[in-house]
Amino acid sequence: MKENQAFNEMMVHTPLCTHKEPQNVSIVGTASQGLKKEAAKHNGNIEFIDLATFNAKNEKDVDIVILTDINIDEIVLANIRRVLKDDGLITFSTESFHKNEDKLRADLQLVGQSFWIAMPFRFGHETAILASKKYHPTADIILQRSDLLNDLEYYSTEIHTASFVFPAAQHKALTGIAKR
């Protein structure tokens, strides 16, 4: 897994500050101590599990799924849809526009079939996607949560919002694929 503070903070705080009231969060894949430390800054039931344990879940009671180092595909997405609540959201790493535009497009198209919003965001040298059934990551940011987080090196409310902004040519190239 990518062991850097920007990754830990953005992969945790971006979705957890977007969802109105996340009660059950599944962080699937490798979780570093830094990522666990960031997750501990939030209330609710946060579980760190591997993909096999996640796939065995039966109940539709998860508000947020964070994939740390799991590549999303149709099977992973089907299991996410099975356990995610109707207002749930997911976050996962993908490739940057410059490194592999086709992979970014494919990931956006895949989750765009199941989610009302599917938006890429960038931080450091990473690109991730936040896909949501209800909450928009910039319009619905919970300021009472994002502004009050302590002991941060990278994440802020302003970084959260700015991470969804792409240069004009990339924005245009992703229009119709990214669901904003």
N, C-alpha and C. Protein backbone atom coordinates (compact mmCIF):
# COMPACT_ATOMS: atom_id res chain seq x y z
N MET A 1 0.83 -1.18 0.00
CA MET A 1 0.00 0.00 0.00
C MET A 1 0.87 1.24 0.00
N LYS A 2 0.35 2.29 -0.52
CA LYS A 2 1.06 3.56 -0.56
C LYS A 2 1.11 4.12 0.85
N GLU A 3 2.29 4.17 1.45
CA GLU A 3 2.42 4.65 2.82
C GLU A 3 2.84 6.11 2.79
N ASN A 4 1.87 6.99 2.65
CA ASN A 4 2.15 8.41 2.77
C ASN A 4 0.96 9.09 3.41
N GLN A 5 1.23 10.19 4.06
CA GLN A 5 0.20 10.85 4.84
C GLN A 5 -0.91 11.44 3.97
N ALA A 6 -0.58 11.96 2.80
CA ALA A 6 -1.62 12.48 1.91
C ALA A 6 -2.62 11.38 1.57
N PHE A 7 -2.13 10.21 1.23
CA PHE A 7 -2.99 9.07 0.91
C PHE A 7 -3.87 8.72 2.11
N ASN A 8 -3.27 8.58 3.28
CA ASN A 8 -4.02 8.20 4.48
C ASN A 8 -5.13 9.20 4.78
N GLU A 9 -4.80 10.47 4.75
CA GLU A 9 -5.79 11.49 5.09
C GLU A 9 -6.87 11.64 4.03
N MET A 10 -6.50 11.67 2.78
CA MET A 10 -7.49 11.89 1.71
C MET A 10 -8.42 10.69 1.51
N MET A 11 -7.89 9.49 1.61
CA MET A 11 -8.73 8.31 1.41
C MET A 11 -9.73 8.12 2.55
N VAL A 12 -9.41 8.64 3.73
CA VAL A 12 -10.32 8.53 4.87
C VAL A 12 -11.22 9.75 4.98
N HIS A 13 -10.64 10.94 5.04
CA HIS A 13 -11.43 12.12 5.35
C HIS A 13 -12.33 12.57 4.20
N THR A 14 -11.93 12.37 2.96
CA THR A 14 -12.77 12.80 1.85
C THR A 14 -14.13 12.10 1.88
N PRO A 15 -14.19 10.78 1.95
CA PRO A 15 -15.53 10.16 2.01
C PRO A 15 -16.24 10.40 3.35
N LEU A 16 -15.49 10.36 4.46
CA LEU A 16 -16.13 10.50 5.76
C LEU A 16 -16.61 11.93 6.03
N CYS A 17 -16.10 12.89 5.31
CA CYS A 17 -16.59 14.27 5.43
C CYS A 17 -17.60 14.60 4.34
N THR A 18 -17.91 13.65 3.48
CA THR A 18 -18.91 13.82 2.44
C THR A 18 -20.25 13.22 2.86
N HIS A 19 -20.23 12.03 3.43
CA HIS A 19 -21.46 11.35 3.85
C HIS A 19 -22.04 12.06 5.07
N LYS A 20 -23.34 12.26 5.08
CA LYS A 20 -23.97 13.03 6.16
C LYS A 20 -23.78 12.39 7.53
N GLU A 21 -24.07 11.12 7.67
CA GLU A 21 -23.96 10.44 8.96
C GLU A 21 -23.43 9.02 8.80
N PRO A 22 -22.15 8.87 8.52
CA PRO A 22 -21.62 7.51 8.35
C PRO A 22 -21.56 6.76 9.68
N GLN A 23 -22.29 5.68 9.77
CA GLN A 23 -22.29 4.86 10.98
C GLN A 23 -21.41 3.62 10.82
N ASN A 24 -21.44 3.01 9.63
CA ASN A 24 -20.69 1.79 9.37
C ASN A 24 -19.78 1.98 8.17
N VAL A 25 -18.48 1.87 8.42
CA VAL A 25 -17.48 2.08 7.38
C VAL A 25 -16.64 0.82 7.27
N SER A 26 -16.49 0.32 6.05
CA SER A 26 -15.62 -0.82 5.79
C SER A 26 -14.40 -0.35 5.02
N ILE A 27 -13.24 -0.50 5.61
CA ILE A 27 -11.98 -0.20 4.93
C ILE A 27 -11.39 -1.55 4.53
N VAL A 28 -11.36 -1.77 3.21
CA VAL A 28 -11.03 -3.09 2.67
C VAL A 28 -9.65 -3.05 2.04
N GLY A 29 -8.80 -3.98 2.46
CA GLY A 29 -7.44 -4.06 1.94
C GLY A 29 -6.44 -3.75 3.03
N THR A 30 -5.23 -3.48 2.63
CA THR A 30 -4.16 -3.19 3.58
C THR A 30 -4.40 -1.85 4.25
N ALA A 31 -4.28 -1.83 5.56
CA ALA A 31 -4.48 -0.58 6.31
C ALA A 31 -3.25 -0.32 7.18
N SER A 32 -2.52 0.70 6.83
CA SER A 32 -1.34 1.06 7.61
C SER A 32 -1.75 1.67 8.94
N GLN A 33 -0.81 1.81 9.83
CA GLN A 33 -1.09 2.46 11.12
C GLN A 33 -1.51 3.91 10.90
N GLY A 34 -0.92 4.58 9.91
CA GLY A 34 -1.29 5.95 9.60
C GLY A 34 -2.73 6.06 9.14
N LEU A 35 -3.18 5.13 8.31
CA LEU A 35 -4.56 5.13 7.85
C LEU A 35 -5.50 4.85 9.01
N LYS A 36 -5.14 3.92 9.87
CA LYS A 36 -5.97 3.61 11.04
C LYS A 36 -6.06 4.81 11.98
N LYS A 37 -4.96 5.54 12.12
CA LYS A 37 -4.94 6.74 12.97
C LYS A 37 -5.92 7.78 12.43
N GLU A 38 -5.94 7.96 11.10
CA GLU A 38 -6.86 8.94 10.51
C GLU A 38 -8.31 8.49 10.67
N ALA A 39 -8.57 7.21 10.49
CA ALA A 39 -9.93 6.70 10.64
C ALA A 39 -10.43 6.86 12.07
N ALA A 40 -9.53 6.75 13.04
CA ALA A 40 -9.90 6.87 14.45
C ALA A 40 -10.37 8.28 14.81
N LYS A 41 -10.15 9.25 13.95
CA LYS A 41 -10.60 10.62 14.19
C LYS A 41 -12.09 10.79 13.94
N HIS A 42 -12.75 9.73 13.47
CA HIS A 42 -14.17 9.79 13.14
C HIS A 42 -14.97 8.87 14.06
N ASN A 43 -16.23 9.21 14.26
CA ASN A 43 -17.16 8.38 15.03
C ASN A 43 -17.72 7.30 14.14
N GLY A 44 -18.39 6.35 14.76
CA GLY A 44 -19.02 5.28 14.01
C GLY A 44 -18.23 4.00 14.10
N ASN A 45 -18.78 2.97 13.52
CA ASN A 45 -18.16 1.65 13.50
C ASN A 45 -17.27 1.56 12.25
N ILE A 46 -15.97 1.57 12.45
CA ILE A 46 -15.03 1.48 11.34
C ILE A 46 -14.32 0.14 11.45
N GLU A 47 -14.50 -0.69 10.41
CA GLU A 47 -13.87 -2.00 10.42
C GLU A 47 -12.81 -2.08 9.33
N PHE A 48 -11.72 -2.73 9.66
CA PHE A 48 -10.61 -2.96 8.72
C PHE A 48 -10.65 -4.44 8.37
N ILE A 49 -10.95 -4.75 7.12
CA ILE A 49 -11.14 -6.14 6.73
C ILE A 49 -10.47 -6.42 5.39
N ASP A 50 -10.28 -7.71 5.13
CA ASP A 50 -9.74 -8.10 3.83
C ASP A 50 -10.91 -8.34 2.87
N LEU A 51 -10.59 -8.55 1.62
CA LEU A 51 -11.62 -8.67 0.58
C LEU A 51 -12.49 -9.91 0.81
N ALA A 52 -11.91 -11.02 1.25
CA ALA A 52 -12.70 -12.23 1.48
C ALA A 52 -13.74 -12.01 2.58
N THR A 53 -13.35 -11.34 3.65
CA THR A 53 -14.28 -11.05 4.74
C THR A 53 -15.37 -10.10 4.25
N PHE A 54 -15.00 -9.10 3.47
CA PHE A 54 -15.98 -8.17 2.92
C PHE A 54 -16.97 -8.90 2.03
N ASN A 55 -16.47 -9.78 1.17
CA ASN A 55 -17.34 -10.51 0.25
C ASN A 55 -18.32 -11.43 0.97
N ALA A 56 -18.01 -11.82 2.21
CA ALA A 56 -18.89 -12.70 2.99
C ALA A 56 -19.99 -11.94 3.72
N LYS A 57 -19.92 -10.62 3.72
CA LYS A 57 -20.95 -9.83 4.41
C LYS A 57 -22.30 -10.02 3.72
N ASN A 58 -23.36 -10.05 4.51
CA ASN A 58 -24.70 -10.27 3.96
C ASN A 58 -25.59 -9.06 4.04
N GLU A 59 -25.42 -8.27 5.07
CA GLU A 59 -26.37 -7.20 5.35
C GLU A 59 -26.09 -5.94 4.55
N LYS A 60 -27.15 -5.25 4.22
CA LYS A 60 -27.06 -3.98 3.50
C LYS A 60 -26.98 -2.88 4.56
N ASP A 61 -25.81 -2.80 5.26
CA ASP A 61 -25.70 -1.87 6.38
C ASP A 61 -24.42 -1.04 6.37
N VAL A 62 -23.73 -0.99 5.25
CA VAL A 62 -22.48 -0.24 5.17
C VAL A 62 -22.76 1.12 4.52
N ASP A 63 -22.27 2.19 5.16
CA ASP A 63 -22.45 3.54 4.62
C ASP A 63 -21.33 3.92 3.66
N ILE A 64 -20.10 3.51 3.98
CA ILE A 64 -18.94 3.88 3.17
C ILE A 64 -18.03 2.67 3.02
N VAL A 65 -17.55 2.46 1.80
CA VAL A 65 -16.54 1.44 1.53
C VAL A 65 -15.31 2.17 0.99
N ILE A 66 -14.16 1.93 1.62
CA ILE A 66 -12.89 2.48 1.17
C ILE A 66 -12.02 1.30 0.77
N LEU A 67 -11.63 1.26 -0.50
CA LEU A 67 -10.72 0.23 -0.98
C LEU A 67 -9.31 0.82 -0.97
N THR A 68 -8.43 0.27 -0.16
CA THR A 68 -7.09 0.86 -0.03
C THR A 68 -6.17 0.44 -1.16
N ASP A 69 -6.15 -0.84 -1.46
CA ASP A 69 -5.25 -1.35 -2.49
C ASP A 69 -5.92 -2.46 -3.30
N ILE A 70 -7.22 -2.41 -3.39
CA ILE A 70 -8.01 -3.40 -4.14
C ILE A 70 -8.42 -2.76 -5.46
N ASN A 71 -8.14 -3.43 -6.56
CA ASN A 71 -8.60 -2.95 -7.86
C ASN A 71 -10.07 -3.28 -8.02
N ILE A 72 -10.84 -2.30 -8.41
CA ILE A 72 -12.28 -2.53 -8.56
C ILE A 72 -12.55 -3.20 -9.90
N ASP A 73 -13.47 -4.14 -9.88
CA ASP A 73 -13.94 -4.80 -11.09
C ASP A 73 -15.42 -5.13 -10.88
N GLU A 74 -16.03 -5.82 -11.83
CA GLU A 74 -17.46 -6.11 -11.75
C GLU A 74 -17.81 -6.92 -10.51
N ILE A 75 -16.95 -7.87 -10.14
CA ILE A 75 -17.24 -8.72 -8.98
C ILE A 75 -17.15 -7.93 -7.68
N VAL A 76 -16.10 -7.15 -7.53
CA VAL A 76 -15.95 -6.32 -6.33
C VAL A 76 -17.11 -5.34 -6.25
N LEU A 77 -17.46 -4.73 -7.37
CA LEU A 77 -18.56 -3.77 -7.39
C LEU A 77 -19.89 -4.44 -7.04
N ALA A 78 -20.11 -5.65 -7.51
CA ALA A 78 -21.35 -6.36 -7.18
C ALA A 78 -21.44 -6.60 -5.67
N ASN A 79 -20.35 -6.96 -5.05
CA ASN A 79 -20.34 -7.17 -3.60
C ASN A 79 -20.54 -5.85 -2.86
N ILE A 80 -19.98 -4.77 -3.37
CA ILE A 80 -20.20 -3.46 -2.76
C ILE A 80 -21.67 -3.09 -2.84
N ARG A 81 -22.28 -3.25 -4.00
CA ARG A 81 -23.70 -2.92 -4.16
C ARG A 81 -24.58 -3.74 -3.22
N ARG A 82 -24.17 -4.97 -2.97
CA ARG A 82 -24.94 -5.87 -2.10
C ARG A 82 -24.97 -5.39 -0.65
N VAL A 83 -23.90 -4.78 -0.16
CA VAL A 83 -23.82 -4.41 1.26
C VAL A 83 -23.97 -2.92 1.51
N LEU A 84 -23.89 -2.11 0.47
CA LEU A 84 -23.93 -0.66 0.64
C LEU A 84 -25.37 -0.17 0.80
N LYS A 85 -25.58 0.71 1.77
CA LYS A 85 -26.91 1.32 1.97
C LYS A 85 -27.28 2.16 0.76
N ASP A 86 -28.54 2.53 0.68
CA ASP A 86 -29.05 3.29 -0.46
C ASP A 86 -28.43 4.67 -0.61
N ASP A 87 -27.88 5.23 0.47
CA ASP A 87 -27.22 6.53 0.39
C ASP A 87 -25.70 6.40 0.55
N GLY A 88 -25.18 5.20 0.31
CA GLY A 88 -23.76 4.92 0.53
C GLY A 88 -22.84 5.47 -0.53
N LEU A 89 -21.55 5.43 -0.21
CA LEU A 89 -20.53 5.86 -1.17
C LEU A 89 -19.28 5.02 -1.04
N ILE A 90 -18.48 5.05 -2.10
CA ILE A 90 -17.23 4.30 -2.11
C ILE A 90 -16.10 5.22 -2.56
N THR A 91 -14.90 4.86 -2.14
CA THR A 91 -13.69 5.54 -2.58
C THR A 91 -12.63 4.48 -2.86
N PHE A 92 -11.90 4.67 -3.95
CA PHE A 92 -10.84 3.72 -4.30
C PHE A 92 -9.81 4.41 -5.19
N SER A 93 -8.60 3.88 -5.17
CA SER A 93 -7.51 4.41 -6.01
C SER A 93 -7.70 3.99 -7.46
N THR A 94 -7.22 4.82 -8.35
CA THR A 94 -7.23 4.51 -9.77
C THR A 94 -5.95 5.10 -10.38
N GLU A 95 -5.87 5.10 -11.67
CA GLU A 95 -4.71 5.68 -12.35
C GLU A 95 -4.97 7.14 -12.68
N SER A 96 -3.91 7.91 -12.77
CA SER A 96 -4.05 9.32 -13.13
C SER A 96 -4.38 9.44 -14.62
N PHE A 97 -4.91 10.58 -14.98
CA PHE A 97 -5.27 10.86 -16.36
C PHE A 97 -4.03 10.73 -17.26
N HIS A 98 -2.91 11.26 -16.81
CA HIS A 98 -1.69 11.23 -17.63
C HIS A 98 -1.04 9.85 -17.69
N LYS A 99 -1.14 9.10 -16.63
CA LYS A 99 -0.48 7.79 -16.58
C LYS A 99 -1.25 6.74 -17.38
N ASN A 100 -2.58 6.71 -17.20
CA ASN A 100 -3.39 5.70 -17.87
C ASN A 100 -4.83 6.19 -17.98
N GLU A 101 -5.07 7.04 -18.96
CA GLU A 101 -6.40 7.63 -19.17
C GLU A 101 -7.46 6.56 -19.37
N ASP A 102 -7.11 5.48 -20.07
CA ASP A 102 -8.09 4.41 -20.33
C ASP A 102 -8.55 3.74 -19.03
N LYS A 103 -7.63 3.50 -18.10
CA LYS A 103 -7.98 2.89 -16.81
C LYS A 103 -8.89 3.82 -16.01
N LEU A 104 -8.56 5.10 -15.98
CA LEU A 104 -9.40 6.08 -15.28
C LEU A 104 -10.80 6.10 -15.88
N ARG A 105 -10.89 6.16 -17.19
CA ARG A 105 -12.19 6.17 -17.87
C ARG A 105 -12.97 4.88 -17.57
N ALA A 106 -12.29 3.74 -17.65
CA ALA A 106 -12.96 2.46 -17.41
C ALA A 106 -13.50 2.38 -15.98
N ASP A 107 -12.71 2.84 -15.00
CA ASP A 107 -13.17 2.82 -13.61
C ASP A 107 -14.37 3.75 -13.42
N LEU A 108 -14.32 4.93 -14.02
CA LEU A 108 -15.44 5.86 -13.92
C LEU A 108 -16.70 5.28 -14.57
N GLN A 109 -16.54 4.66 -15.73
CA GLN A 109 -17.70 4.07 -16.41
C GLN A 109 -18.27 2.91 -15.60
N LEU A 110 -17.40 2.10 -15.02
CA LEU A 110 -17.85 0.95 -14.24
C LEU A 110 -18.71 1.40 -13.06
N VAL A 111 -18.20 2.31 -12.25
CA VAL A 111 -18.96 2.74 -11.07
C VAL A 111 -20.11 3.67 -11.45
N GLY A 112 -19.97 4.34 -12.58
CA GLY A 112 -21.04 5.23 -13.04
C GLY A 112 -22.33 4.51 -13.36
N GLN A 113 -22.25 3.21 -13.60
CA GLN A 113 -23.46 2.41 -13.87
C GLN A 113 -24.29 2.21 -12.60
N SER A 114 -23.65 2.31 -11.43
CA SER A 114 -24.33 2.02 -10.17
C SER A 114 -24.50 3.23 -9.25
N PHE A 115 -23.82 4.32 -9.58
CA PHE A 115 -23.82 5.47 -8.69
C PHE A 115 -24.23 6.73 -9.43
N TRP A 116 -24.95 7.58 -8.75
CA TRP A 116 -25.42 8.85 -9.30
C TRP A 116 -24.24 9.79 -9.55
N ILE A 117 -23.24 9.74 -8.68
CA ILE A 117 -22.06 10.58 -8.79
C ILE A 117 -20.84 9.68 -8.87
N ALA A 118 -19.94 9.96 -9.78
CA ALA A 118 -18.67 9.23 -9.89
C ALA A 118 -17.63 10.25 -10.33
N MET A 119 -16.83 10.71 -9.37
CA MET A 119 -15.90 11.81 -9.63
C MET A 119 -14.47 11.45 -9.24
N PRO A 120 -13.53 11.72 -10.13
CA PRO A 120 -12.13 11.52 -9.75
C PRO A 120 -11.65 12.69 -8.89
N PHE A 121 -10.68 12.40 -8.03
CA PHE A 121 -10.03 13.47 -7.29
C PHE A 121 -8.55 13.15 -7.16
N ARG A 122 -7.76 14.22 -7.08
CA ARG A 122 -6.30 14.08 -7.08
C ARG A 122 -5.71 14.67 -5.81
N PHE A 123 -4.65 14.03 -5.35
CA PHE A 123 -3.92 14.53 -4.19
C PHE A 123 -2.51 13.97 -4.26
N GLY A 124 -1.53 14.81 -3.93
CA GLY A 124 -0.15 14.36 -4.07
C GLY A 124 0.07 13.87 -5.49
N HIS A 125 0.56 12.65 -5.62
CA HIS A 125 0.75 12.03 -6.93
C HIS A 125 -0.27 10.92 -7.16
N GLU A 126 -1.38 10.97 -6.46
CA GLU A 126 -2.39 9.92 -6.50
C GLU A 126 -3.67 10.43 -7.16
N THR A 127 -4.43 9.49 -7.70
CA THR A 127 -5.78 9.76 -8.19
C THR A 127 -6.70 8.71 -7.61
N ALA A 128 -7.86 9.14 -7.17
CA ALA A 128 -8.86 8.23 -6.63
C ALA A 128 -10.22 8.62 -7.21
N ILE A 129 -11.20 7.79 -6.95
CA ILE A 129 -12.57 8.07 -7.38
C ILE A 129 -13.47 7.98 -6.16
N LEU A 130 -14.37 8.93 -6.05
CA LEU A 130 -15.44 8.86 -5.06
C LEU A 130 -16.73 8.69 -5.85
N ALA A 131 -17.45 7.62 -5.55
CA ALA A 131 -18.73 7.35 -6.20
C ALA A 131 -19.80 7.30 -5.12
N SER A 132 -20.90 7.98 -5.37
CA SER A 132 -21.92 8.14 -4.34
C SER A 132 -23.31 7.95 -4.91
N LYS A 133 -24.19 7.40 -4.08
CA LYS A 133 -25.59 7.24 -4.46
C LYS A 133 -26.41 8.47 -4.11
N LYS A 134 -25.86 9.36 -3.26
CA LYS A 134 -26.65 10.51 -2.82
C LYS A 134 -25.83 11.78 -2.62
N TYR A 135 -24.69 11.67 -1.96
CA TYR A 135 -23.95 12.85 -1.52
C TYR A 135 -22.90 13.28 -2.55
N HIS A 136 -22.88 14.58 -2.83
CA HIS A 136 -21.90 15.16 -3.74
C HIS A 136 -20.67 15.58 -2.93
N PRO A 137 -19.48 15.20 -3.35
CA PRO A 137 -18.29 15.44 -2.51
C PRO A 137 -17.89 16.89 -2.32
N THR A 138 -18.38 17.80 -3.15
CA THR A 138 -18.06 19.21 -2.91
C THR A 138 -19.30 19.98 -2.44
N ALA A 139 -20.46 19.65 -2.93
CA ALA A 139 -21.67 20.37 -2.53
C ALA A 139 -22.16 19.94 -1.15
N ASP A 140 -21.91 18.70 -0.77
CA ASP A 140 -22.43 18.18 0.49
C ASP A 140 -21.36 17.97 1.57
N ILE A 141 -20.19 18.56 1.40
CA ILE A 141 -19.14 18.41 2.41
C ILE A 141 -19.66 18.88 3.77
N ILE A 142 -19.40 18.11 4.79
CA ILE A 142 -19.85 18.41 6.14
C ILE A 142 -18.78 19.26 6.82
N LEU A 143 -18.97 20.57 6.76
CA LEU A 143 -17.96 21.50 7.28
C LEU A 143 -17.75 21.35 8.77
N GLN A 144 -18.80 21.01 9.51
CA GLN A 144 -18.65 20.82 10.95
C GLN A 144 -17.72 19.65 11.26
N ARG A 145 -17.52 18.78 10.32
CA ARG A 145 -16.61 17.66 10.51
C ARG A 145 -15.24 17.99 9.90
N SER A 146 -15.23 18.43 8.64
CA SER A 146 -13.96 18.65 7.95
C SER A 146 -13.14 19.78 8.56
N ASP A 147 -13.80 20.83 9.02
CA ASP A 147 -13.08 21.96 9.61
C ASP A 147 -12.56 21.68 11.02
N LEU A 148 -13.07 20.67 11.67
CA LEU A 148 -12.70 20.42 13.06
C LEU A 148 -11.73 19.25 13.24
N LEU A 149 -11.26 18.68 12.16
CA LEU A 149 -10.28 17.60 12.28
C LEU A 149 -8.95 18.18 12.76
N ASN A 150 -8.29 17.47 13.66
CA ASN A 150 -7.02 17.93 14.23
C ASN A 150 -5.85 17.08 13.77
N ASP A 151 -4.66 17.63 13.95
CA ASP A 151 -3.42 16.89 13.73
C ASP A 151 -3.31 16.37 12.29
N LEU A 152 -3.54 17.26 11.32
CA LEU A 152 -3.48 16.90 9.91
C LEU A 152 -2.24 17.49 9.25
N GLU A 153 -1.71 16.77 8.29
CA GLU A 153 -0.58 17.26 7.50
C GLU A 153 -1.00 17.69 6.11
N TYR A 154 -2.04 17.08 5.55
CA TYR A 154 -2.41 17.33 4.15
C TYR A 154 -3.86 17.77 4.00
N TYR A 155 -4.79 17.01 4.53
CA TYR A 155 -6.21 17.26 4.31
C TYR A 155 -6.65 18.57 4.96
N SER A 156 -7.50 19.29 4.24
CA SER A 156 -8.23 20.43 4.76
C SER A 156 -9.51 20.53 3.94
N THR A 157 -10.45 21.33 4.41
CA THR A 157 -11.68 21.53 3.65
C THR A 157 -11.38 22.07 2.27
N GLU A 158 -10.43 22.99 2.19
CA GLU A 158 -10.08 23.59 0.90
C GLU A 158 -9.42 22.57 -0.03
N ILE A 159 -8.53 21.72 0.51
CA ILE A 159 -7.91 20.67 -0.30
C ILE A 159 -8.97 19.68 -0.76
N HIS A 160 -9.89 19.33 0.12
CA HIS A 160 -10.98 18.42 -0.23
C HIS A 160 -11.69 18.93 -1.48
N THR A 161 -12.12 20.18 -1.45
CA THR A 161 -12.84 20.76 -2.58
C THR A 161 -11.95 20.87 -3.82
N ALA A 162 -10.74 21.35 -3.64
CA ALA A 162 -9.83 21.57 -4.77
C ALA A 162 -9.39 20.26 -5.43
N SER A 163 -9.37 19.16 -4.70
CA SER A 163 -8.91 17.90 -5.27
C SER A 163 -9.81 17.39 -6.39
N PHE A 164 -11.02 17.90 -6.47
CA PHE A 164 -11.95 17.48 -7.53
C PHE A 164 -11.87 18.37 -8.77
N VAL A 165 -10.99 19.37 -8.75
CA VAL A 165 -10.82 20.27 -9.88
C VAL A 165 -9.70 19.75 -10.77
N PHE A 166 -9.97 19.65 -12.06
CA PHE A 166 -8.99 19.16 -13.03
C PHE A 166 -8.73 20.24 -14.06
N PRO A 167 -7.57 20.21 -14.71
CA PRO A 167 -7.31 21.17 -15.79
C PRO A 167 -8.39 21.07 -16.87
N ALA A 168 -8.59 22.16 -17.58
CA ALA A 168 -9.69 22.26 -18.56
C ALA A 168 -9.72 21.11 -19.56
N ALA A 169 -8.58 20.75 -20.13
CA ALA A 169 -8.55 19.70 -21.14
C ALA A 169 -8.95 18.34 -20.54
N GLN A 170 -8.48 18.05 -19.33
CA GLN A 170 -8.85 16.79 -18.68
C GLN A 170 -10.33 16.80 -18.29
N HIS A 171 -10.79 17.92 -17.79
CA HIS A 171 -12.21 18.06 -17.44
C HIS A 171 -13.08 17.78 -18.66
N LYS A 172 -12.71 18.39 -19.78
CA LYS A 172 -13.47 18.20 -21.02
C LYS A 172 -13.41 16.75 -21.48
N ALA A 173 -12.24 16.14 -21.39
CA ALA A 173 -12.07 14.75 -21.84
C ALA A 173 -12.90 13.78 -20.98
N LEU A 174 -13.13 14.13 -19.73
CA LEU A 174 -13.88 13.24 -18.83
C LEU A 174 -15.37 13.59 -18.76
N THR A 175 -15.77 14.69 -19.39
CA THR A 175 -17.18 15.07 -19.40
C THR A 175 -17.99 13.99 -20.11
N GLY A 176 -19.07 13.60 -19.47
CA GLY A 176 -19.90 12.52 -20.00
C GLY A 176 -19.51 11.18 -19.44
N ILE A 177 -18.31 11.08 -18.87
CA ILE A 177 -17.88 9.83 -18.22
C ILE A 177 -17.92 10.01 -16.72
N ALA A 178 -17.26 11.07 -16.24
CA ALA A 178 -17.37 11.41 -14.83
C ALA A 178 -18.78 11.98 -14.62
N LYS A 179 -19.42 11.52 -13.58
CA LYS A 179 -20.79 11.98 -13.28
C LYS A 179 -20.70 12.99 -12.16
N ARG A 180 -20.82 14.26 -12.54
CA ARG A 180 -20.64 15.34 -11.58
C ARG A 180 -21.97 15.88 -11.15
